[in-house]
Amino acid sequence: MTTREILHSTEDKMKKAFESVTREFLEIRTGRASPVLVEGLHIDYYGTPTLLKQLASISSADAHLLVIQPWDVSAIAEIEKAILKSNLGVNPSNDGKVIRLSFPQLSKERRQELAKEIHKMAENGRISLRTIRRDAKEHIEKLEKDKVIPEDDKFRSVDELQKLVDRYIGKVDELLKNKEKEVLEF
């Protein structure tokens, strides 16, 4: 494996790690009702864990109300159970055909808790990126040790690797800054 291939593979892994952080951030409630908050919930549908978005239509009626309309009304009880188990902090109400989730305004304390939570998510993302960097660096150093590449190539590749991780950590930091602003604004 060449250093180019290692760097390309490493960038793909970093891209996936960044996308994972982005997905986690989307699931954080910011005071606005969004289908993204619930569509990833796993529902026990006839003994099979199934994503809510595969079982129902999810729409946002207004900034504080989500409407979940299951295609199979017999799944309503399981959907409600999954919502209650989730960390959304809302109680579902149903009329036998649809489930309504009313999201109250977030308190200042809850906003601060969410800000701490997104900081943890961002730090976990940074740790993942650094772990990917470490693995790639070890691979490059092994190539140099085995005399597959010269020492100059090793230093150049390690430098490119550091630039790559710096770029993705910068993206995570930017994402964090934007999400924190969104969570803390009233």
Protein backbone atom coordinates (compact mmCIF):
# COMPACT_ATOMS: atom_id res chain seq x y z
CA MET A 1 0.00 0.00 0.00
CA THR A 2 1.40 3.41 -0.95
CA THR A 3 1.28 6.56 1.17
CA ARG A 4 -1.23 8.05 -1.32
CA GLU A 5 -3.55 5.11 -0.75
CA ILE A 6 -3.14 5.40 3.01
CA LEU A 7 -3.94 9.12 2.94
CA HIS A 8 -6.94 8.56 0.66
CA SER A 9 -8.28 5.78 2.88
CA THR A 10 -7.68 7.94 5.96
CA GLU A 11 -9.59 10.85 4.45
CA ASP A 12 -12.54 8.55 3.72
CA LYS A 13 -12.55 7.39 7.35
CA MET A 14 -12.33 10.99 8.60
CA LYS A 15 -15.21 11.99 6.34
CA LYS A 16 -17.34 9.20 7.83
CA ALA A 17 -16.39 10.23 11.38
CA PHE A 18 -17.38 13.83 10.59
CA GLU A 19 -20.70 12.69 9.08
CA SER A 20 -21.37 10.70 12.24
CA VAL A 21 -20.89 13.82 14.40
CA THR A 22 -23.15 15.76 12.03
CA ARG A 23 -25.90 13.13 12.38
CA GLU A 24 -25.61 13.18 16.17
CA PHE A 25 -25.91 16.97 16.18
CA LEU A 26 -29.06 16.79 14.05
CA GLU A 27 -30.73 14.66 16.71
CA ILE A 28 -30.25 17.32 19.39
CA ARG A 29 -33.40 19.27 20.05
CA THR A 30 -33.03 23.01 19.68
CA GLY A 31 -36.48 24.25 20.60
CA ARG A 32 -37.89 23.64 17.12
CA ALA A 33 -39.80 20.50 16.23
CA SER A 34 -38.04 18.64 13.45
CA PRO A 35 -38.76 15.17 12.05
CA VAL A 36 -35.02 14.40 12.37
CA LEU A 37 -35.51 14.26 16.15
CA VAL A 38 -37.57 11.06 15.97
CA GLU A 39 -37.03 9.42 12.58
CA GLY A 40 -34.01 7.49 13.84
CA LEU A 41 -35.86 5.92 16.78
CA HIS A 42 -35.96 2.12 16.73
CA ILE A 43 -39.42 0.67 17.19
CA ASP A 44 -40.06 -2.96 18.14
CA TYR A 45 -42.30 -3.80 15.18
CA TYR A 46 -43.44 -7.44 15.42
CA GLY A 47 -40.19 -8.38 17.14
CA THR A 48 -37.95 -6.58 14.65
CA PRO A 49 -36.22 -3.28 15.51
CA THR A 50 -37.39 -0.91 12.76
CA LEU A 51 -36.69 2.78 12.21
CA LEU A 52 -39.67 5.03 12.85
CA LYS A 53 -39.25 6.70 9.46
CA GLN A 54 -39.92 3.29 7.87
CA LEU A 55 -43.15 2.84 9.82
CA ALA A 56 -44.76 6.25 9.64
CA SER A 57 -45.05 9.60 7.99
CA ILE A 58 -43.46 12.29 10.21
CA SER A 59 -44.28 15.95 9.68
CA SER A 60 -43.77 19.19 11.50
CA ALA A 61 -47.10 20.96 11.94
CA ASP A 62 -45.45 24.08 13.38
CA ALA A 63 -42.31 25.05 15.31
CA HIS A 64 -43.43 23.14 18.41
CA LEU A 65 -45.52 20.22 17.11
CA LEU A 66 -44.60 16.97 15.35
CA VAL A 67 -47.26 14.70 13.88
CA ILE A 68 -46.47 11.00 13.41
CA GLN A 69 -48.92 9.05 11.29
CA PRO A 70 -48.11 5.32 11.31
CA TRP A 71 -49.08 3.31 8.24
CA ASP A 72 -50.08 0.48 10.58
CA VAL A 73 -52.11 1.91 13.50
CA SER A 74 -51.40 -1.21 15.57
CA ALA A 75 -47.83 0.12 15.95
CA ILE A 76 -48.93 3.24 17.85
CA ALA A 77 -48.33 1.72 21.30
CA GLU A 78 -44.77 0.62 20.39
CA ILE A 79 -44.01 4.02 18.84
CA GLU A 80 -45.18 5.76 22.01
CA LYS A 81 -43.04 3.40 24.11
CA ALA A 82 -39.93 4.22 22.04
CA ILE A 83 -40.59 7.96 22.29
CA LEU A 84 -40.93 7.73 26.07
CA LYS A 85 -37.66 5.74 26.30
CA SER A 86 -35.82 8.32 24.18
CA ASN A 87 -34.20 11.38 25.71
CA LEU A 88 -36.59 13.85 24.03
CA GLY A 89 -38.38 14.98 27.18
CA VAL A 90 -41.86 14.98 25.59
CA ASN A 91 -44.98 12.93 26.19
CA PRO A 92 -46.77 11.59 23.11
CA SER A 93 -50.53 11.89 22.75
CA ASN A 94 -52.59 9.94 20.24
CA ASP A 95 -56.13 9.84 18.95
CA GLY A 96 -55.93 6.28 17.67
CA LYS A 97 -54.67 7.33 14.23
CA VAL A 98 -51.85 9.83 14.75
CA ILE A 99 -49.37 10.65 17.49
CA ARG A 100 -48.72 14.26 18.37
CA LEU A 101 -45.56 15.43 20.08
CA SER A 102 -45.76 18.90 21.56
CA PHE A 103 -42.33 20.37 22.26
CA PRO A 104 -42.36 23.04 24.97
CA GLN A 105 -39.87 25.89 24.96
CA LEU A 106 -36.57 24.75 26.38
CA SER A 107 -35.62 26.11 29.78
CA LYS A 108 -32.30 27.86 30.26
CA GLU A 109 -31.03 24.90 32.31
CA ARG A 110 -32.03 22.40 29.62
CA ARG A 111 -30.30 24.51 26.96
CA GLN A 112 -27.12 24.49 29.03
CA GLU A 113 -27.37 20.70 29.48
CA LEU A 114 -27.75 20.31 25.72
CA ALA A 115 -24.74 22.58 25.15
CA LYS A 116 -22.66 20.32 27.42
CA GLU A 117 -23.94 17.28 25.54
CA ILE A 118 -22.95 18.68 22.14
CA HIS A 119 -19.51 19.55 23.51
CA LYS A 120 -19.10 15.89 24.52
CA MET A 121 -20.24 14.77 21.06
CA ALA A 122 -17.75 17.11 19.41
CA GLU A 123 -14.94 15.88 21.65
CA ASN A 124 -15.80 12.27 20.81
CA GLY A 125 -15.64 13.25 17.13
CA ARG A 126 -12.21 14.82 17.63
CA ILE A 127 -11.02 11.69 19.46
CA SER A 128 -12.21 9.53 16.55
CA LEU A 129 -10.31 11.73 14.11
CA ARG A 130 -7.14 11.55 16.19
CA THR A 131 -7.44 7.77 16.44
CA ILE A 132 -7.75 7.52 12.66
CA ARG A 133 -4.67 9.75 12.35
CA ARG A 134 -2.71 7.58 14.79
CA ASP A 135 -3.53 4.39 12.90
CA ALA A 136 -2.53 5.93 9.56
CA LYS A 137 0.68 7.33 11.03
CA GLU A 138 1.63 3.91 12.41
CA HIS A 139 0.99 2.41 8.97
CA ILE A 140 3.20 5.05 7.28
CA GLU A 141 5.98 4.55 9.84
CA LYS A 142 5.84 0.78 9.28
CA LEU A 143 6.28 1.35 5.53
CA GLU A 144 9.39 3.44 6.23
CA LYS A 145 10.72 0.90 8.75
CA ASP A 146 10.24 -1.90 6.20
CA LYS A 147 12.13 0.27 3.69
CA VAL A 148 9.16 0.44 1.30
CA ILE A 149 9.30 4.26 1.32
CA PRO A 150 12.17 6.66 2.04
CA GLU A 151 12.30 8.77 5.20
CA ASP A 152 11.46 11.95 3.25
CA ASP A 153 8.22 10.39 2.02
CA LYS A 154 7.34 9.40 5.58
CA PHE A 155 7.80 12.98 6.86
CA ARG A 156 5.87 14.45 3.90
CA SER A 157 3.02 11.95 4.40
CA VAL A 158 2.85 12.53 8.16
CA ASP A 159 2.72 16.28 7.49
CA GLU A 160 -0.15 15.82 4.99
CA LEU A 161 -1.87 13.56 7.50
CA GLN A 162 -1.67 16.28 10.16
CA LYS A 163 -3.10 18.87 7.75
CA LEU A 164 -5.95 16.48 6.99
CA VAL A 165 -6.81 15.92 10.65
CA ASP A 166 -6.53 19.67 11.36
CA ARG A 167 -9.01 20.38 8.54
CA TYR A 168 -11.57 17.87 9.87
CA ILE A 169 -11.16 19.00 13.48
CA GLY A 170 -11.75 22.55 12.23
CA LYS A 171 -14.97 21.37 10.58
CA VAL A 172 -16.11 19.72 13.83
CA ASP A 173 -15.30 22.92 15.75
CA GLU A 174 -17.28 25.01 13.25
CA LEU A 175 -20.21 22.62 13.49
CA LEU A 176 -20.02 22.80 17.29
CA LYS A 177 -19.96 26.60 17.28
CA ASN A 178 -23.06 26.78 15.04
CA LYS A 179 -24.99 24.13 16.96
CA GLU A 180 -24.14 25.70 20.32
CA LYS A 181 -25.40 29.07 19.08
CA GLU A 182 -28.60 27.39 17.84
CA VAL A 183 -29.15 25.59 21.17
CA LEU A 184 -28.48 28.59 23.40
CA GLU A 185 -30.56 31.17 21.48
CA PHE A 186 -34.07 31.80 22.77
